[in-house]
Protein backbone atom coordinates (compact mmCIF):
# COMPACT_ATOMS: atom_id res chain seq x y z
CA MET A 1 -8.70 -39.05 8.47
CA THR A 2 -13.18 -38.91 9.84
CA LYS A 3 -15.30 -35.87 7.90
CA ALA A 4 -14.88 -33.19 8.88
CA ALA A 5 -11.36 -32.98 8.78
CA LYS A 6 -11.04 -33.38 4.86
CA ALA A 7 -14.18 -31.14 4.78
CA ASP A 8 -12.16 -28.99 6.56
CA ARG A 9 -8.92 -29.24 3.56
CA LEU A 10 -11.16 -28.69 1.15
CA ALA A 11 -12.44 -25.89 2.84
CA GLU A 12 -8.95 -24.97 3.86
CA LEU A 13 -7.64 -25.84 -0.47
CA MET A 14 -10.48 -24.22 -1.80
CA ALA A 15 -10.24 -20.72 -0.01
CA ARG A 16 -6.18 -20.54 -0.92
CA ARG A 17 -7.85 -21.42 -4.15
CA GLY A 18 -9.35 -18.55 -4.11
CA GLY A 19 -6.42 -16.61 -3.08
CA ASP A 20 -4.20 -17.10 -5.26
CA GLU A 21 -2.03 -16.19 -8.14
CA GLY A 22 -0.16 -18.37 -9.81
CA GLY A 23 0.73 -21.12 -6.64
CA ALA A 24 1.56 -17.66 -4.94
CA GLY A 25 -0.28 -17.24 -1.05
CA LEU A 26 -2.12 -13.78 -1.08
CA TRP A 27 -0.16 -11.81 1.23
CA THR A 28 2.76 -13.02 -0.19
CA GLU A 29 1.96 -11.85 -3.66
CA ALA A 30 0.74 -8.22 -2.18
CA LEU A 31 3.92 -8.37 -1.12
CA ARG A 32 5.34 -9.00 -3.93
CA ARG A 33 3.26 -5.80 -6.02
CA LEU A 34 4.26 -3.02 -2.87
CA ARG A 35 7.89 -3.78 -3.34
CA ARG A 36 7.05 -2.90 -6.86
CA SER A 37 4.48 0.32 -6.12
CA LYS A 38 6.50 3.38 -5.59
CA MET A 39 3.85 3.96 -3.58
CA ALA A 40 4.22 1.99 -0.62
CA LEU A 41 8.23 2.57 -1.03
CA ILE A 42 7.72 5.97 -0.08
CA GLY A 43 4.81 5.30 2.38
CA ALA A 44 6.83 2.98 4.03
CA ALA A 45 10.34 5.65 3.97
CA ILE A 46 8.83 8.31 5.77
CA ILE A 47 6.29 5.76 9.24
CA ALA A 48 9.45 3.89 9.27
CA VAL A 49 11.28 7.77 9.81
CA PHE A 50 8.93 8.27 12.21
CA LEU A 51 9.29 4.97 14.24
CA LEU A 52 13.21 5.75 14.09
CA LEU A 53 13.00 9.54 15.66
CA ALA A 54 10.10 8.00 17.70
CA ILE A 55 12.12 5.49 18.49
CA VAL A 56 15.59 7.24 19.41
CA GLY A 57 14.58 10.73 20.03
CA PRO A 58 14.76 10.43 23.78
CA TRP A 59 18.11 9.50 23.44
CA VAL A 60 19.08 11.56 20.41
CA ALA A 61 17.50 14.63 21.34
CA PRO A 62 20.34 17.68 21.97
CA HIS A 63 18.47 19.77 25.29
CA GLY A 64 15.85 18.73 28.23
CA PRO A 65 12.24 19.76 26.13
CA THR A 66 10.98 21.69 29.40
CA ALA A 67 14.40 23.13 29.44
CA GLN A 68 13.66 27.07 29.66
CA ILE A 69 17.11 27.69 28.68
CA TRP A 70 16.96 30.52 26.40
CA ARG A 71 14.33 31.60 27.96
CA GLY A 72 15.92 35.29 28.97
CA GLU A 73 16.12 34.97 24.61
CA VAL A 74 13.06 34.91 23.13
CA PHE A 75 10.48 37.02 22.49
CA PRO A 76 8.40 38.02 24.09
CA ASN A 77 10.92 38.91 27.00
CA GLN A 78 12.94 40.29 24.05
CA GLY A 79 9.90 40.85 21.31
CA ARG A 80 12.25 38.59 18.28
CA PHE A 81 11.82 35.10 17.70
CA VAL A 82 14.92 33.03 18.07
CA GLY A 83 15.03 30.74 13.85
CA PRO A 84 17.91 28.18 13.10
CA ARG A 85 20.68 28.29 14.41
CA SER A 86 24.37 26.44 15.46
CA GLY A 87 22.74 25.67 18.84
CA ASN A 88 19.25 25.49 17.15
CA TRP A 89 18.73 23.26 14.70
CA LEU A 90 15.31 24.77 14.51
CA GLY A 91 15.41 27.29 16.77
CA LEU A 92 13.30 28.42 20.49
CA ASP A 93 9.86 28.32 21.32
CA HIS A 94 8.16 30.69 23.56
CA LEU A 95 9.93 28.91 26.16
CA GLY A 96 12.98 29.69 25.28
CA ARG A 97 12.85 25.47 24.58
CA ASP A 98 14.67 24.41 22.43
CA GLU A 99 12.16 23.56 19.30
CA LEU A 100 13.96 20.21 17.67
CA SER A 101 14.08 18.92 20.90
CA ARG A 102 10.60 19.39 21.40
CA MET A 103 9.62 17.12 17.97
CA LEU A 104 11.65 15.06 18.49
CA ILE A 105 10.46 13.77 21.78
CA GLY A 106 6.58 14.74 20.36
CA ALA A 107 7.54 12.24 17.84
CA ARG A 108 7.02 9.45 20.54
CA GLN A 109 3.49 10.65 22.24
CA THR A 110 1.82 11.15 18.18
CA LEU A 111 2.66 8.34 17.89
CA LEU A 112 1.59 6.54 21.42
CA VAL A 113 -1.61 8.24 20.90
CA GLY A 114 -2.10 7.14 17.23
CA VAL A 115 -1.46 3.60 18.00
CA VAL A 116 -3.39 2.87 20.48
CA SER A 117 -6.10 4.32 19.23
CA MET A 118 -5.69 2.92 16.95
CA LEU A 119 -6.38 -0.69 18.20
CA ILE A 120 -8.66 1.06 20.86
CA GLY A 121 -11.02 0.74 17.67
CA LEU A 122 -9.44 -1.98 16.08
CA VAL A 123 -10.02 -4.58 18.66
CA VAL A 124 -13.40 -2.87 19.80
CA GLY A 125 -14.82 -3.32 16.01
CA ALA A 126 -13.64 -6.33 15.20
CA LEU A 127 -14.94 -8.08 17.96
CA VAL A 128 -18.27 -6.04 17.41
CA GLY A 129 -18.07 -7.14 13.53
CA ALA A 130 -17.65 -10.26 13.80
CA VAL A 131 -19.40 -10.57 15.95
CA SER A 132 -22.61 -9.16 13.32
CA GLY A 133 -20.76 -11.17 11.10
CA ALA A 134 -21.39 -14.14 12.16
CA ALA A 135 -24.53 -13.14 13.73
CA ALA A 136 -25.70 -12.50 9.71
CA THR A 137 -23.85 -15.73 8.17
CA LEU A 138 -25.12 -18.58 10.51
CA GLY A 139 -28.74 -17.16 9.77
CA GLY A 140 -31.67 -17.37 11.99
CA ALA A 141 -33.89 -15.79 13.98
CA ALA A 142 -31.98 -14.86 16.39
CA GLY A 143 -29.23 -14.55 14.35
CA LYS A 144 -30.69 -11.94 11.93
CA ARG A 145 -32.16 -9.83 14.66
CA VAL A 146 -28.77 -10.13 17.00
CA ASP A 147 -26.93 -7.79 13.53
CA THR A 148 -29.47 -5.84 13.26
CA VAL A 149 -29.29 -4.29 16.16
CA VAL A 150 -25.91 -4.44 16.50
CA MET A 151 -25.90 -2.40 12.88
CA ARG A 152 -28.51 0.15 13.60
CA ILE A 153 -25.98 1.25 16.43
CA THR A 154 -23.25 1.25 14.38
CA ASP A 155 -25.09 3.92 12.22
CA MET A 156 -25.90 5.76 14.64
CA MET A 157 -22.61 6.53 15.62
CA LEU A 158 -21.37 6.86 12.03
CA ALA A 159 -24.09 9.16 11.53
CA LEU A 160 -22.59 11.26 13.26
CA PRO A 161 -19.24 13.40 11.98
CA SER A 162 -15.95 11.72 13.80
CA LEU A 163 -14.79 14.66 15.54
CA LEU A 164 -17.65 16.40 16.65
CA LEU A 165 -18.26 12.71 18.47
CA ALA A 166 -14.61 12.37 19.68
CA VAL A 167 -14.81 16.41 20.72
CA SER A 168 -17.67 14.95 22.69
CA ILE A 169 -16.43 12.57 24.21
CA ALA A 170 -13.08 13.96 25.05
CA ALA A 171 -15.36 17.23 26.87
CA VAL A 172 -17.35 14.80 29.03
CA MET A 173 -14.62 12.57 29.71
CA GLY A 174 -12.27 15.35 30.85
CA GLN A 175 -9.08 16.76 29.81
CA SER A 176 -6.42 14.01 29.61
CA LEU A 177 -4.05 11.96 27.36
CA THR A 178 -5.34 9.17 27.69
CA THR A 179 -9.32 10.60 27.14
CA VAL A 180 -8.03 11.60 23.63
CA MET A 181 -6.85 7.75 23.13
CA ILE A 182 -10.89 6.39 23.78
CA ALA A 183 -12.07 9.43 21.51
CA VAL A 184 -10.54 8.79 19.17
CA GLY A 185 -10.70 4.79 19.30
CA VAL A 186 -14.22 5.04 19.58
CA VAL A 187 -14.46 6.79 16.97
CA GLN A 188 -12.69 4.20 15.06
CA ILE A 189 -14.75 1.23 16.65
CA PRO A 190 -18.00 1.34 13.41
CA ILE A 191 -15.46 1.89 10.37
CA PHE A 192 -13.85 -1.67 11.70
CA ALA A 193 -16.70 -3.52 12.34
CA ARG A 194 -18.30 -2.93 9.50
CA LEU A 195 -15.91 -2.97 7.30
CA LEU A 196 -15.22 -6.65 8.54
CA ARG A 197 -18.81 -7.64 8.65
CA GLY A 198 -19.23 -6.67 4.51
CA SER A 199 -15.85 -9.00 4.49
CA MET A 200 -17.45 -12.37 6.26
CA LEU A 201 -21.13 -11.61 4.35
CA GLY A 202 -18.80 -11.28 0.64
CA GLN A 203 -17.20 -14.48 2.13
CA GLY A 204 -20.23 -16.51 2.60
CA GLY A 205 -20.99 -16.93 -0.82
CA ARG A 206 -17.48 -18.47 -2.08
CA ASP A 207 -17.19 -22.02 -3.18
CA TYR A 208 -15.00 -22.74 -0.50
CA VAL A 209 -17.67 -22.82 1.75
CA LEU A 210 -20.40 -23.59 0.20
CA ALA A 211 -18.35 -26.65 -0.03
CA ALA A 212 -17.68 -27.15 3.35
CA LYS A 213 -21.76 -27.09 4.04
CA SER A 214 -22.05 -30.08 1.20
CA LEU A 215 -20.12 -32.08 3.41
CA GLY A 216 -22.24 -31.30 6.90
CA VAL A 217 -20.49 -29.08 8.60
CA ARG A 218 -21.26 -26.65 10.80
CA ARG A 219 -21.67 -23.16 9.94
CA ARG A 220 -19.97 -22.14 13.18
CA ARG A 221 -17.58 -23.92 12.29
CA ILE A 222 -16.75 -23.42 8.52
CA VAL A 223 -17.52 -19.15 9.97
CA LEU A 224 -14.86 -19.76 12.55
CA THR A 225 -12.02 -21.92 11.03
CA GLN A 226 -12.86 -20.06 7.69
CA ILE A 227 -15.12 -17.03 6.23
CA LEU A 228 -13.33 -14.57 9.41
CA PRO A 229 -10.15 -15.70 8.79
CA ASN A 230 -10.06 -15.10 4.44
CA SER A 231 -12.32 -11.06 5.56
CA VAL A 232 -9.42 -9.73 7.90
CA SER A 233 -7.57 -8.81 5.26
CA PRO A 234 -9.79 -6.18 4.19
CA VAL A 235 -8.89 -5.11 8.75
CA ILE A 236 -5.85 -4.85 8.53
CA VAL A 237 -5.50 -3.11 5.54
CA GLN A 238 -8.17 -0.04 7.33
CA ALA A 239 -5.60 -0.22 10.54
CA THR A 240 -2.49 1.24 8.15
CA LEU A 241 -5.38 4.95 7.19
CA SER A 242 -6.87 4.69 10.35
CA LEU A 243 -3.78 5.31 11.89
CA ALA A 244 -2.92 8.20 9.91
CA THR A 245 -6.97 9.46 10.53
CA ALA A 246 -6.06 8.68 14.29
CA ILE A 247 -2.98 10.98 14.75
CA ILE A 248 -5.22 13.97 12.74
CA GLU A 249 -7.70 14.02 15.35
CA ALA A 250 -5.66 12.79 17.95
CA ALA A 251 -3.51 16.47 17.22
CA ALA A 252 -6.99 17.79 16.57
CA LEU A 253 -8.68 17.18 20.05
CA SER A 254 -4.86 18.66 21.32
CA TYR A 255 -5.53 21.53 18.97
CA LEU A 256 -8.59 22.32 20.84
CA GLY A 257 -6.97 21.57 24.63
CA LEU A 258 -8.95 18.27 25.28
CA GLY A 259 -5.71 16.55 25.48
CA ASN A 260 -2.22 16.11 27.75
CA PRO A 261 -2.92 19.23 30.50
CA ASP A 262 0.48 19.36 31.17
CA PRO A 263 2.10 22.23 28.71
CA ALA A 264 5.54 21.06 28.93
CA VAL A 265 4.35 17.70 27.72
CA PRO A 266 5.47 18.25 23.96
CA GLU A 267 2.73 16.35 21.98
CA TRP A 268 2.66 18.23 18.17
CA GLY A 269 -0.58 19.12 18.50
CA VAL A 270 0.08 20.57 21.59
CA MET A 271 2.33 22.06 20.02
CA LEU A 272 1.11 23.26 17.49
CA SER A 273 -1.79 24.61 20.04
CA GLN A 274 1.06 26.81 21.92
CA ALA A 275 2.45 27.91 18.45
CA GLN A 276 -0.69 29.74 17.51
CA ARG A 277 -0.74 32.86 19.28
CA PHE A 278 2.55 33.15 17.97
CA PHE A 279 1.78 33.09 13.96
CA ASP A 280 2.64 36.52 13.24
CA ASN A 281 5.99 36.48 14.38
CA ALA A 282 6.50 33.23 14.28
CA PRO A 283 4.98 31.13 11.83
CA MET A 284 7.90 28.52 11.93
CA MET A 285 6.41 27.46 15.29
CA SER A 286 3.57 26.66 14.55
CA VAL A 287 5.19 24.78 10.63
CA TYR A 288 6.75 22.16 12.67
CA PRO A 289 4.51 20.50 14.26
CA ALA A 290 2.44 20.65 11.30
CA LEU A 291 4.49 19.07 9.29
CA GLY A 292 5.37 16.27 11.09
CA ILE A 293 1.37 15.65 11.72
CA VAL A 294 0.65 15.96 7.17
CA ILE A 295 4.02 14.01 6.06
CA THR A 296 3.75 10.96 8.46
CA ALA A 297 -0.25 10.93 8.13
CA LEU A 298 0.85 11.08 4.86
CA GLY A 299 3.13 8.20 4.84
CA PHE A 300 0.45 6.00 6.72
CA THR A 301 -2.68 6.45 3.84
CA LEU A 302 0.36 5.65 0.92
CA LEU A 303 0.99 2.57 2.68
CA GLY A 304 -2.31 1.54 2.73
CA GLU A 305 -3.76 2.44 -0.25
CA ALA A 306 -0.56 0.36 -1.50
CA MET A 307 -1.80 -2.06 0.47
CA ARG A 308 -5.35 -1.97 -0.42
CA GLU A 309 -4.30 -1.76 -3.72
CA ALA A 310 -2.19 -4.49 -3.64
CA LEU A 311 -5.16 -7.05 -1.98
CA ASP A 312 -7.78 -6.19 -4.25
CA PRO A 313 -8.62 -9.38 -5.97
CA ARG A 314 -9.75 -7.19 -9.08
CA LEU A 315 -5.36 -6.06 -9.95
CA ARG A 316 -4.31 -8.73 -9.25
CA GLY A 317 -3.11 -10.32 -12.90
């Protein structure tokens, strides 16, 4: 076995030792703690229901989401709102469309916007954070300059309120669902970047890194094969929490009229925006999509917080 291979093996063993408890891997023990957490179970149950509805919604929806079958029955034509009944479990909207069908179809649109937005922020932010963290960890004048420039740009993005930044981006790019995804994703970039950079800097002083350095392993190899893989746990947790934020912010942009230009396409934020005009006469039209957004965001938040506690070494014992 070569000297470099021995050093990598030693660093790997020390990394496992630093992340293990009673011989169990970090993620194995975290999963064990999650199974015992009521908060995690509730959050996972909410997310599972949301995912199920988003997947099977188009097939189980009793009516077409754009079909105005009962338009003659609803206000403003008749001056009344048709609430829950046998053929329409959640009633009708202002155009005589089945509210339950639109909620089921809208779940998929909401999930799509949230996941794509989170992935944009995660991928770009992790790349930026990895470059900055590697530059700071490797040291040298050039590395410090790169880290300083990247972090100052990140700080400027963080200085702006997230929703204001998202609205500004969406307003410049124009009204579309893609615009909402990009706008919300860009807002998430500095969060992931700073988190991964900070985690990498924290790992840079661990014993396994010092051991690898003492054996002559190149710093670049240590960063790529040891420090970076051991720094991703907080980023994964943040991705779960960011899904909740992305869903809320995407709904907010749709509510402000910056989402899908076709109002017939059901999406919870658009449905909430359309229902605000009729809140006095038909409050439940606003309650249904609002509850969907709040409960879904709550599910991701509960699971994310439970994962954070499960992966926190200070709470493991």
